[in-house]
Amino acid sequence: MAKRENDSFSVKDLMQSFIKENNLSKGMQKIKIEEAWNKLMGQGVANYTNSVRLQNKTLIIQLSSSVLREELGYGKEKIIKMINEEFGEDIVVKLMLI
């Protein structure tokens, strides 16, 4: 009978290594960016958000309210900083509100 190794790994560690080995990190970031946007900006802003896309380190947010778009435009740098802190790395360099 073969001897079993007693190494244990968490599911989180295994998933992270799988994502890294298969170069899936950019795709995962694109999926998680919408969740991060809704979490950081709150339900009020999320209600007026039509789409959230990450494209070449540019976060593109489509909003249905021109007033909200104008208000968020004043805090672009703060929003970029909050999102990068949420991910723990600089994934957003530019924010476009359309």
PDB file of N, CA and C in Angstrom:
ATOM      1  N   MET A   1       0.836  -1.172   0.000  1.00  0.00           N
ATOM      2  CA  MET A   1       0.000   0.000   0.000  1.00  0.00           C
ATOM      3  C   MET A   1       0.890   1.248   0.000  1.00  0.00           C
ATOM      4  N   ALA A   2       0.578   2.197  -0.873  1.00  0.00           N
ATOM      5  CA  ALA A   2       1.375   3.418  -0.988  1.00  0.00           C
ATOM      6  C   ALA A   2       1.123   4.332   0.201  1.00  0.00           C
ATOM      7  N   LYS A   3       2.184   4.989   0.609  1.00  0.00           N
ATOM      8  CA  LYS A   3       2.084   5.906   1.740  1.00  0.00           C
ATOM      9  C   LYS A   3       1.563   7.256   1.246  1.00  0.00           C
ATOM     10  N   ARG A   4       0.582   7.821   1.954  1.00  0.00           N
ATOM     11  CA  ARG A   4       0.003   9.108   1.568  1.00  0.00           C
ATOM     12  C   ARG A   4       0.801  10.246   2.186  1.00  0.00           C
ATOM     13  N   GLU A   5       0.976  11.264   1.415  1.00  0.00           N
ATOM     14  CA  GLU A   5       1.623  12.457   1.958  1.00  0.00           C
ATOM     15  C   GLU A   5       0.603  13.225   2.760  1.00  0.00           C
ATOM     16  N   ASN A   6       1.052  13.853   3.804  1.00  0.00           N
ATOM     17  CA  ASN A   6       0.133  14.526   4.709  1.00  0.00           C
ATOM     18  C   ASN A   6       0.133  16.034   4.508  1.00  0.00           C
ATOM     19  N   ASP A   7       0.530  16.503   3.331  1.00  0.00           N
ATOM     20  CA  ASP A   7       0.514  17.940   3.053  1.00  0.00           C
ATOM     21  C   ASP A   7      -0.912  18.389   2.807  1.00  0.00           C
ATOM     22  N   SER A   8      -1.300  19.448   3.486  1.00  0.00           N
ATOM     23  CA  SER A   8      -2.651  19.971   3.274  1.00  0.00           C
ATOM     24  C   SER A   8      -2.549  21.399   2.754  1.00  0.00           C
ATOM     25  N   PHE A   9      -3.402  21.717   1.825  1.00  0.00           N
ATOM     26  CA  PHE A   9      -3.442  23.031   1.215  1.00  0.00           C
ATOM     27  C   PHE A   9      -4.854  23.559   1.308  1.00  0.00           C
ATOM     28  N   SER A  10      -4.975  24.874   1.446  1.00  0.00           N
ATOM     29  CA  SER A  10      -6.317  25.445   1.453  1.00  0.00           C
ATOM     30  C   SER A  10      -6.821  25.561   0.019  1.00  0.00           C
ATOM     31  N   VAL A  11      -8.118  25.600  -0.128  1.00  0.00           N
ATOM     32  CA  VAL A  11      -8.720  25.719  -1.460  1.00  0.00           C
ATOM     33  C   VAL A  11      -8.325  27.053  -2.086  1.00  0.00           C
ATOM     34  N   LYS A  12      -8.241  28.091  -1.270  1.00  0.00           N
ATOM     35  CA  LYS A  12      -7.860  29.417  -1.762  1.00  0.00           C
ATOM     36  C   LYS A  12      -6.463  29.385  -2.381  1.00  0.00           C
ATOM     37  N   ASP A  13      -5.516  28.744  -1.684  1.00  0.00           N
ATOM     38  CA  ASP A  13      -4.151  28.652  -2.198  1.00  0.00           C
ATOM     39  C   ASP A  13      -4.093  27.846  -3.494  1.00  0.00           C
ATOM     40  N   LEU A  14      -4.844  26.768  -3.541  1.00  0.00           N
ATOM     41  CA  LEU A  14      -4.873  25.939  -4.746  1.00  0.00           C
ATOM     42  C   LEU A  14      -5.465  26.697  -5.930  1.00  0.00           C
ATOM     43  N   MET A  15      -6.541  27.454  -5.683  1.00  0.00           N
ATOM     44  CA  MET A  15      -7.168  28.235  -6.762  1.00  0.00           C
ATOM     45  C   MET A  15      -6.220  29.327  -7.253  1.00  0.00           C
ATOM     46  N   GLN A  16      -5.535  29.995  -6.328  1.00  0.00           N
ATOM     47  CA  GLN A  16      -4.609  31.045  -6.735  1.00  0.00           C
ATOM     48  C   GLN A  16      -3.454  30.487  -7.571  1.00  0.00           C
ATOM     49  N   SER A  17      -2.932  29.341  -7.184  1.00  0.00           N
ATOM     50  CA  SER A  17      -1.849  28.753  -7.966  1.00  0.00           C
ATOM     51  C   SER A  17      -2.352  28.289  -9.332  1.00  0.00           C
ATOM     52  N   PHE A  18      -3.577  27.756  -9.397  1.00  0.00           N
ATOM     53  CA  PHE A  18      -4.164  27.349 -10.673  1.00  0.00           C
ATOM     54  C   PHE A  18      -4.344  28.552 -11.598  1.00  0.00           C
ATOM     55  N   ILE A  19      -4.856  29.645 -11.047  1.00  0.00           N
ATOM     56  CA  ILE A  19      -5.067  30.863 -11.842  1.00  0.00           C
ATOM     57  C   ILE A  19      -3.735  31.392 -12.354  1.00  0.00           C
ATOM     58  N   LYS A  20      -2.724  31.390 -11.492  1.00  0.00           N
ATOM     59  CA  LYS A  20      -1.413  31.896 -11.877  1.00  0.00           C
ATOM     60  C   LYS A  20      -0.761  31.017 -12.954  1.00  0.00           C
ATOM     61  N   GLU A  21      -0.819  29.696 -12.785  1.00  0.00           N
ATOM     62  CA  GLU A  21      -0.199  28.777 -13.738  1.00  0.00           C
ATOM     63  C   GLU A  21      -0.855  28.831 -15.107  1.00  0.00           C
ATOM     64  N   ASN A  22      -2.138  29.113 -15.162  1.00  0.00           N
ATOM     65  CA  ASN A  22      -2.863  29.115 -16.435  1.00  0.00           C
ATOM     66  C   ASN A  22      -3.100  30.515 -16.998  1.00  0.00           C
ATOM     67  N   ASN A  23      -2.415  31.517 -16.438  1.00  0.00           N
ATOM     68  CA  ASN A  23      -2.509  32.904 -16.905  1.00  0.00           C
ATOM     69  C   ASN A  23      -3.961  33.400 -16.977  1.00  0.00           C
ATOM     70  N   LEU A  24      -4.718  33.157 -15.930  1.00  0.00           N
ATOM     71  CA  LEU A  24      -6.115  33.573 -15.880  1.00  0.00           C
ATOM     72  C   LEU A  24      -6.331  34.819 -15.032  1.00  0.00           C
ATOM     73  N   SER A  25      -5.271  35.438 -14.540  1.00  0.00           N
ATOM     74  CA  SER A  25      -5.421  36.548 -13.598  1.00  0.00           C
ATOM     75  C   SER A  25      -6.126  37.763 -14.210  1.00  0.00           C
ATOM     76  N   LYS A  26      -5.838  38.069 -15.477  1.00  0.00           N
ATOM     77  CA  LYS A  26      -6.512  39.214 -16.104  1.00  0.00           C
ATOM     78  C   LYS A  26      -8.009  38.978 -16.245  1.00  0.00           C
ATOM     79  N   GLY A  27      -8.386  37.784 -16.600  1.00  0.00           N
ATOM     80  CA  GLY A  27      -9.800  37.445 -16.729  1.00  0.00           C
ATOM     81  C   GLY A  27     -10.507  37.493 -15.386  1.00  0.00           C
ATOM     82  N   MET A  28      -9.840  37.029 -14.350  1.00  0.00           N
ATOM     83  CA  MET A  28     -10.428  37.068 -13.010  1.00  0.00           C
ATOM     84  C   MET A  28     -10.581  38.501 -12.533  1.00  0.00           C
ATOM     85  N   GLN A  29      -9.621  39.362 -12.866  1.00  0.00           N
ATOM     86  CA  GLN A  29      -9.724  40.768 -12.494  1.00  0.00           C
ATOM     87  C   GLN A  29     -10.927  41.416 -13.151  1.00  0.00           C
ATOM     88  N   LYS A  30     -11.171  41.081 -14.406  1.00  0.00           N
ATOM     89  CA  LYS A  30     -12.315  41.646 -15.120  1.00  0.00           C
ATOM     90  C   LYS A  30     -13.634  41.227 -14.473  1.00  0.00           C
ATOM     91  N   ILE A  31     -13.667  40.015 -13.951  1.00  0.00           N
ATOM     92  CA  ILE A  31     -14.881  39.538 -13.284  1.00  0.00           C
ATOM     93  C   ILE A  31     -15.051  40.211 -11.931  1.00  0.00           C
ATOM     94  N   LYS A  32     -13.968  40.320 -11.186  1.00  0.00           N
ATOM     95  CA  LYS A  32     -14.037  40.858  -9.825  1.00  0.00           C
ATOM     96  C   LYS A  32     -14.190  42.370  -9.776  1.00  0.00           C
ATOM     97  N   ILE A  33     -13.880  43.058 -10.865  1.00  0.00           N
ATOM     98  CA  ILE A  33     -13.909  44.527 -10.844  1.00  0.00           C
ATOM     99  C   ILE A  33     -15.330  45.049 -10.631  1.00  0.00           C
ATOM    100  N   GLU A  34     -16.330  44.381 -11.199  1.00  0.00           N
ATOM    101  CA  GLU A  34     -17.714  44.827 -11.017  1.00  0.00           C
ATOM    102  C   GLU A  34     -18.148  44.639  -9.566  1.00  0.00           C
ATOM    103  N   GLU A  35     -17.756  43.529  -8.960  1.00  0.00           N
ATOM    104  CA  GLU A  35     -18.071  43.309  -7.552  1.00  0.00           C
ATOM    105  C   GLU A  35     -17.406  44.369  -6.685  1.00  0.00           C
ATOM    106  N   ALA A  36     -16.163  44.707  -6.988  1.00  0.00           N
ATOM    107  CA  ALA A  36     -15.440  45.715  -6.211  1.00  0.00           C
ATOM    108  C   ALA A  36     -16.091  47.091  -6.372  1.00  0.00           C
ATOM    109  N   TRP A  37     -16.520  47.419  -7.598  1.00  0.00           N
ATOM    110  CA  TRP A  37     -17.180  48.702  -7.847  1.00  0.00           C
ATOM    111  C   TRP A  37     -18.439  48.824  -6.996  1.00  0.00           C
ATOM    112  N   ASN A  38     -19.286  47.805  -7.022  1.00  0.00           N
ATOM    113  CA  ASN A  38     -20.531  47.837  -6.259  1.00  0.00           C
ATOM    114  C   ASN A  38     -20.264  47.900  -4.756  1.00  0.00           C
ATOM    115  N   LYS A  39     -19.269  47.181  -4.301  1.00  0.00           N
ATOM    116  CA  LYS A  39     -18.930  47.162  -2.876  1.00  0.00           C
ATOM    117  C   LYS A  39     -18.407  48.525  -2.414  1.00  0.00           C
ATOM    118  N   LEU A  40     -17.488  49.103  -3.181  1.00  0.00           N
ATOM    119  CA  LEU A  40     -16.849  50.354  -2.772  1.00  0.00           C
ATOM    120  C   LEU A  40     -17.757  51.569  -2.945  1.00  0.00           C
ATOM    121  N   MET A  41     -18.561  51.571  -3.987  1.00  0.00           N
ATOM    122  CA  MET A  41     -19.375  52.757  -4.283  1.00  0.00           C
ATOM    123  C   MET A  41     -20.746  52.714  -3.618  1.00  0.00           C
ATOM    124  N   GLY A  42     -21.199  51.553  -3.213  1.00  0.00           N
ATOM    125  CA  GLY A  42     -22.476  51.455  -2.515  1.00  0.00           C
ATOM    126  C   GLY A  42     -23.645  51.216  -3.456  1.00  0.00           C
ATOM    127  N   GLN A  43     -24.771  50.899  -2.854  1.00  0.00           N
ATOM    128  CA  GLN A  43     -25.968  50.550  -3.610  1.00  0.00           C
ATOM    129  C   GLN A  43     -26.514  51.727  -4.414  1.00  0.00           C
ATOM    130  N   GLY A  44     -26.398  52.943  -3.885  1.00  0.00           N
ATOM    131  CA  GLY A  44     -26.912  54.118  -4.586  1.00  0.00           C
ATOM    132  C   GLY A  44     -26.264  54.322  -5.943  1.00  0.00           C
ATOM    133  N   VAL A  45     -24.954  54.221  -5.995  1.00  0.00           N
ATOM    134  CA  VAL A  45     -24.229  54.378  -7.262  1.00  0.00           C
ATOM    135  C   VAL A  45     -24.444  53.148  -8.146  1.00  0.00           C
ATOM    136  N   ALA A  46     -24.490  51.980  -7.528  1.00  0.00           N
ATOM    137  CA  ALA A  46     -24.679  50.737  -8.289  1.00  0.00           C
ATOM    138  C   ALA A  46     -26.006  50.745  -9.044  1.00  0.00           C
ATOM    139  N   ASN A  47     -27.036  51.386  -8.480  1.00  0.00           N
ATOM    140  CA  ASN A  47     -28.332  51.459  -9.156  1.00  0.00           C
ATOM    141  C   ASN A  47     -28.266  52.234 -10.469  1.00  0.00           C
ATOM    142  N   TYR A  48     -27.345  53.194 -10.557  1.00  0.00           N
ATOM    143  CA  TYR A  48     -27.212  54.014 -11.761  1.00  0.00           C
ATOM    144  C   TYR A  48     -26.091  53.532 -12.684  1.00  0.00           C
ATOM    145  N   THR A  49     -25.447  52.421 -12.334  1.00  0.00           N
ATOM    146  CA  THR A  49     -24.351  51.877 -13.136  1.00  0.00           C
ATOM    147  C   THR A  49     -24.898  50.861 -14.133  1.00  0.00           C
ATOM    148  N   ASN A  50     -24.662  51.127 -15.420  1.00  0.00           N
ATOM    149  CA  ASN A  50     -25.111  50.216 -16.470  1.00  0.00           C
ATOM    150  C   ASN A  50     -24.080  49.131 -16.767  1.00  0.00           C
ATOM    151  N   SER A  51     -22.799  49.498 -16.825  1.00  0.00           N
ATOM    152  CA  SER A  51     -21.769  48.496 -17.093  1.00  0.00           C
ATOM    153  C   SER A  51     -20.442  48.928 -16.474  1.00  0.00           C
ATOM    154  N   VAL A  52     -19.646  47.919 -16.138  1.00  0.00           N
ATOM    155  CA  VAL A  52     -18.310  48.124 -15.581  1.00  0.00           C
ATOM    156  C   VAL A  52     -17.366  47.235 -16.375  1.00  0.00           C
ATOM    157  N   ARG A  53     -16.357  47.846 -17.008  1.00  0.00           N
ATOM    158  CA  ARG A  53     -15.404  47.075 -17.811  1.00  0.00           C
ATOM    159  C   ARG A  53     -13.982  47.499 -17.470  1.00  0.00           C
ATOM    160  N   LEU A  54     -13.076  46.561 -17.510  1.00  0.00           N
ATOM    161  CA  LEU A  54     -11.657  46.829 -17.345  1.00  0.00           C
ATOM    162  C   LEU A  54     -10.973  46.495 -18.652  1.00  0.00           C
ATOM    163  N   GLN A  55     -10.329  47.497 -19.248  1.00  0.00           N
ATOM    164  CA  GLN A  55      -9.718  47.314 -20.558  1.00  0.00           C
ATOM    165  C   GLN A  55      -8.364  48.027 -20.560  1.00  0.00           C
ATOM    166  N   ASN A  56      -7.284  47.247 -20.619  1.00  0.00           N
ATOM    167  CA  ASN A  56      -5.924  47.796 -20.663  1.00  0.00           C
ATOM    168  C   ASN A  56      -5.649  48.788 -19.531  1.00  0.00           C
ATOM    169  N   LYS A  57      -5.925  48.391 -18.323  1.00  0.00           N
ATOM    170  CA  LYS A  57      -5.733  49.189 -17.111  1.00  0.00           C
ATOM    171  C   LYS A  57      -6.594  50.453 -17.073  1.00  0.00           C
ATOM    172  N   THR A  58      -7.618  50.504 -17.911  1.00  0.00           N
ATOM    173  CA  THR A  58      -8.584  51.596 -17.902  1.00  0.00           C
ATOM    174  C   THR A  58      -9.920  51.042 -17.454  1.00  0.00           C
ATOM    175  N   LEU A  59     -10.467  51.622 -16.397  1.00  0.00           N
ATOM    176  CA  LEU A  59     -11.773  51.216 -15.892  1.00  0.00           C
ATOM    177  C   LEU A  59     -12.824  52.088 -16.567  1.00  0.00           C
ATOM    178  N   ILE A  60     -13.728  51.452 -17.283  1.00  0.00           N
ATOM    179  CA  ILE A  60     -14.765  52.157 -18.038  1.00  0.00           C
ATOM    180  C   ILE A  60     -16.097  51.901 -17.350  1.00  0.00           C
ATOM    181  N   ILE A  61     -16.698  52.967 -16.846  1.00  0.00           N
ATOM    182  CA  ILE A  61     -17.963  52.887 -16.127  1.00  0.00           C
ATOM    183  C   ILE A  61     -19.023  53.612 -16.938  1.00  0.00           C
ATOM    184  N   GLN A  62     -20.101  52.896 -17.267  1.00  0.00           N
ATOM    185  CA  GLN A  62     -21.214  53.516 -17.979  1.00  0.00           C
ATOM    186  C   GLN A  62     -22.318  53.783 -16.961  1.00  0.00           C
ATOM    187  N   LEU A  63     -22.683  55.060 -16.840  1.00  0.00           N
ATOM    188  CA  LEU A  63     -23.688  55.489 -15.869  1.00  0.00           C
ATOM    189  C   LEU A  63     -24.925  56.018 -16.585  1.00  0.00           C
ATOM    190  N   SER A  64     -26.072  55.844 -15.957  1.00  0.00           N
ATOM    191  CA  SER A  64     -27.313  56.332 -16.550  1.00  0.00           C
ATOM    192  C   SER A  64     -27.680  57.731 -16.066  1.00  0.00           C
ATOM    193  N   SER A  65     -26.933  58.279 -15.118  1.00  0.00           N
ATOM    194  CA  SER A  65     -27.213  59.600 -14.571  1.00  0.00           C
ATOM    195  C   SER A  65     -26.063  60.557 -14.891  1.00  0.00           C
ATOM    196  N   SER A  66     -26.365  61.617 -15.627  1.00  0.00           N
ATOM    197  CA  SER A  66     -25.329  62.587 -15.969  1.00  0.00           C
ATOM    198  C   SER A  66     -24.876  63.371 -14.736  1.00  0.00           C
ATOM    199  N   VAL A  67     -25.780  63.587 -13.793  1.00  0.00           N
ATOM    200  CA  VAL A  67     -25.433  64.301 -12.565  1.00  0.00           C
ATOM    201  C   VAL A  67     -24.434  63.472 -11.752  1.00  0.00           C
ATOM    202  N   LEU A  68     -24.693  62.184 -11.617  1.00  0.00           N
ATOM    203  CA  LEU A  68     -23.789  61.292 -10.897  1.00  0.00           C
ATOM    204  C   LEU A  68     -22.444  61.211 -11.603  1.00  0.00           C
ATOM    205  N   ARG A  69     -22.464  61.163 -12.926  1.00  0.00           N
ATOM    206  CA  ARG A  69     -21.229  61.113 -13.708  1.00  0.00           C
ATOM    207  C   ARG A  69     -20.368  62.335 -13.415  1.00  0.00           C
ATOM    208  N   GLU A  70     -20.999  63.491 -13.345  1.00  0.00           N
ATOM    209  CA  GLU A  70     -20.284  64.737 -13.048  1.00  0.00           C
ATOM    210  C   GLU A  70     -19.710  64.711 -11.630  1.00  0.00           C
ATOM    211  N   GLU A  71     -20.502  64.267 -10.669  1.00  0.00           N
ATOM    212  CA  GLU A  71     -20.058  64.197  -9.273  1.00  0.00           C
ATOM    213  C   GLU A  71     -18.882  63.238  -9.108  1.00  0.00           C
ATOM    214  N   LEU A  72     -18.969  62.062  -9.714  1.00  0.00           N
ATOM    215  CA  LEU A  72     -17.889  61.080  -9.599  1.00  0.00           C
ATOM    216  C   LEU A  72     -16.628  61.542 -10.327  1.00  0.00           C
ATOM    217  N   GLY A  73     -16.809  62.370 -11.328  1.00  0.00           N
ATOM    218  CA  GLY A  73     -15.663  62.895 -12.075  1.00  0.00           C
ATOM    219  C   GLY A  73     -14.725  63.707 -11.207  1.00  0.00           C
ATOM    220  N   TYR A  74     -15.242  64.321 -10.156  1.00  0.00           N
ATOM    221  CA  TYR A  74     -14.406  65.121  -9.255  1.00  0.00           C
ATOM    222  C   TYR A  74     -13.517  64.246  -8.375  1.00  0.00           C
ATOM    223  N   GLY A  75     -13.876  62.990  -8.187  1.00  0.00           N
ATOM    224  CA  GLY A  75     -13.113  62.116  -7.306  1.00  0.00           C
ATOM    225  C   GLY A  75     -12.460  60.946  -8.016  1.00  0.00           C
ATOM    226  N   LYS A  76     -12.089  61.110  -9.279  1.00  0.00           N
ATOM    227  CA  LYS A  76     -11.524  60.007 -10.057  1.00  0.00           C
ATOM    228  C   LYS A  76     -10.277  59.415  -9.402  1.00  0.00           C
ATOM    229  N   GLU A  77      -9.371  60.261  -8.950  1.00  0.00           N
ATOM    230  CA  GLU A  77      -8.124  59.771  -8.355  1.00  0.00           C
ATOM    231  C   GLU A  77      -8.398  58.958  -7.092  1.00  0.00           C
ATOM    232  N   LYS A  78      -9.349  59.413  -6.291  1.00  0.00           N
ATOM    233  CA  LYS A  78      -9.695  58.696  -5.067  1.00  0.00           C
ATOM    234  C   LYS A  78     -10.321  57.334  -5.395  1.00  0.00           C
ATOM    235  N   ILE A  79     -11.163  57.288  -6.404  1.00  0.00           N
ATOM    236  CA  ILE A  79     -11.805  56.027  -6.819  1.00  0.00           C
ATOM    237  C   ILE A  79     -10.750  55.044  -7.312  1.00  0.00           C
ATOM    238  N   ILE A  80      -9.802  55.520  -8.125  1.00  0.00           N
ATOM    239  CA  ILE A  80      -8.726  54.667  -8.632  1.00  0.00           C
ATOM    240  C   ILE A  80      -7.913  54.109  -7.466  1.00  0.00           C
ATOM    241  N   LYS A  81      -7.600  54.963  -6.512  1.00  0.00           N
ATOM    242  CA  LYS A  81      -6.818  54.535  -5.347  1.00  0.00           C
ATOM    243  C   LYS A  81      -7.579  53.489  -4.533  1.00  0.00           C
ATOM    244  N   MET A  82      -8.877  53.686  -4.325  1.00  0.00           N
ATOM    245  CA  MET A  82      -9.683  52.741  -3.552  1.00  0.00           C
ATOM    246  C   MET A  82      -9.739  51.376  -4.241  1.00  0.00           C
ATOM    247  N   ILE A  83      -9.919  51.357  -5.548  1.00  0.00           N
ATOM    248  CA  ILE A  83     -10.004  50.095  -6.280  1.00  0.00           C
ATOM    249  C   ILE A  83      -8.661  49.368  -6.265  1.00  0.00           C
ATOM    250  N   ASN A  84      -7.578  50.104  -6.463  1.00  0.00           N
ATOM    251  CA  ASN A  84      -6.256  49.476  -6.431  1.00  0.00           C
ATOM    252  C   ASN A  84      -5.948  48.913  -5.046  1.00  0.00           C
ATOM    253  N   GLU A  85      -6.375  49.603  -3.993  1.00  0.00           N
ATOM    254  CA  GLU A  85      -6.178  49.094  -2.638  1.00  0.00           C
ATOM    255  C   GLU A  85      -7.014  47.843  -2.401  1.00  0.00           C
ATOM    256  N   GLU A  86      -8.200  47.793  -2.968  1.00  0.00           N
ATOM    257  CA  GLU A  86      -9.067  46.618  -2.831  1.00  0.00           C
ATOM    258  C   GLU A  86      -8.417  45.372  -3.448  1.00  0.00           C
ATOM    259  N   PHE A  87      -7.740  45.561  -4.585  1.00  0.00           N
ATOM    260  CA  PHE A  87      -7.098  44.445  -5.265  1.00  0.00           C
ATOM    261  C   PHE A  87      -5.678  44.185  -4.775  1.00  0.00           C
ATOM    262  N   GLY A  88      -5.093  45.163  -4.102  1.00  0.00           N
ATOM    263  CA  GLY A  88      -3.730  44.989  -3.600  1.00  0.00           C
ATOM    264  C   GLY A  88      -2.662  45.179  -4.658  1.00  0.00           C
ATOM    265  N   GLU A  89      -3.025  45.704  -5.783  1.00  0.00           N
ATOM    266  CA  GLU A  89      -2.070  45.979  -6.865  1.00  0.00           C
ATOM    267  C   GLU A  89      -2.651  47.056  -7.773  1.00  0.00           C
ATOM    268  N   ASP A  90      -1.801  47.659  -8.591  1.00  0.00           N
ATOM    269  CA  ASP A  90      -2.254  48.714  -9.498  1.00  0.00           C
ATOM    270  C   ASP A  90      -2.832  48.098 -10.766  1.00  0.00           C
ATOM    271  N   ILE A  91      -4.140  47.851 -10.739  1.00  0.00           N
ATOM    272  CA  ILE A  91      -4.782  47.296 -11.939  1.00  0.00           C
ATOM    273  C   ILE A  91      -5.502  48.376 -12.728  1.00  0.00           C
ATOM    274  N   VAL A  92      -5.773  49.531 -12.089  1.00  0.00           N
ATOM    275  CA  VAL A  92      -6.455  50.641 -12.756  1.00  0.00           C
ATOM    276  C   VAL A  92      -5.531  51.850 -12.747  1.00  0.00           C
ATOM    277  N   VAL A  93      -5.299  52.407 -13.937  1.00  0.00           N
ATOM    278  CA  VAL A  93      -4.487  53.602 -14.076  1.00  0.00           C
ATOM    279  C   VAL A  93      -5.367  54.794 -14.453  1.00  0.00           C
ATOM    280  N   LYS A  94      -6.416  54.517 -15.221  1.00  0.00           N
ATOM    281  CA  LYS A  94      -7.279  55.572 -15.738  1.00  0.00           C
ATOM    282  C   LYS A  94      -8.730  55.180 -15.516  1.00  0.00           C
ATOM    283  N   LEU A  95      -9.581  56.162 -15.227  1.00  0.00           N
ATOM    284  CA  LEU A  95     -11.014  55.936 -15.028  1.00  0.00           C
ATOM    285  C   LEU A  95     -11.780  56.772 -16.036  1.00  0.00           C
ATOM    286  N   MET A  96     -12.646  56.105 -16.799  1.00  0.00           N
ATOM    287  CA  MET A  96     -13.502  56.796 -17.758  1.00  0.00           C
ATOM    288  C   MET A  96     -14.951  56.627 -17.331  1.00  0.00           C
ATOM    289  N   LEU A  97     -15.641  57.742 -17.182  1.00  0.00           N
ATOM    290  CA  LEU A  97     -17.061  57.725 -16.838  1.00  0.00           C
ATOM    291  C   LEU A  97     -17.839  58.145 -18.074  1.00  0.00           C
ATOM    292  N   ILE A  98     -18.634  57.229 -18.598  1.00  0.00           N
ATOM    293  CA  ILE A  98     -19.382  57.541 -19.830  1.00  0.00           C
ATOM    294  C   ILE A  98     -20.865  57.379 -19.589  1.00  0.00           C
TER     295      ILE A  98
END
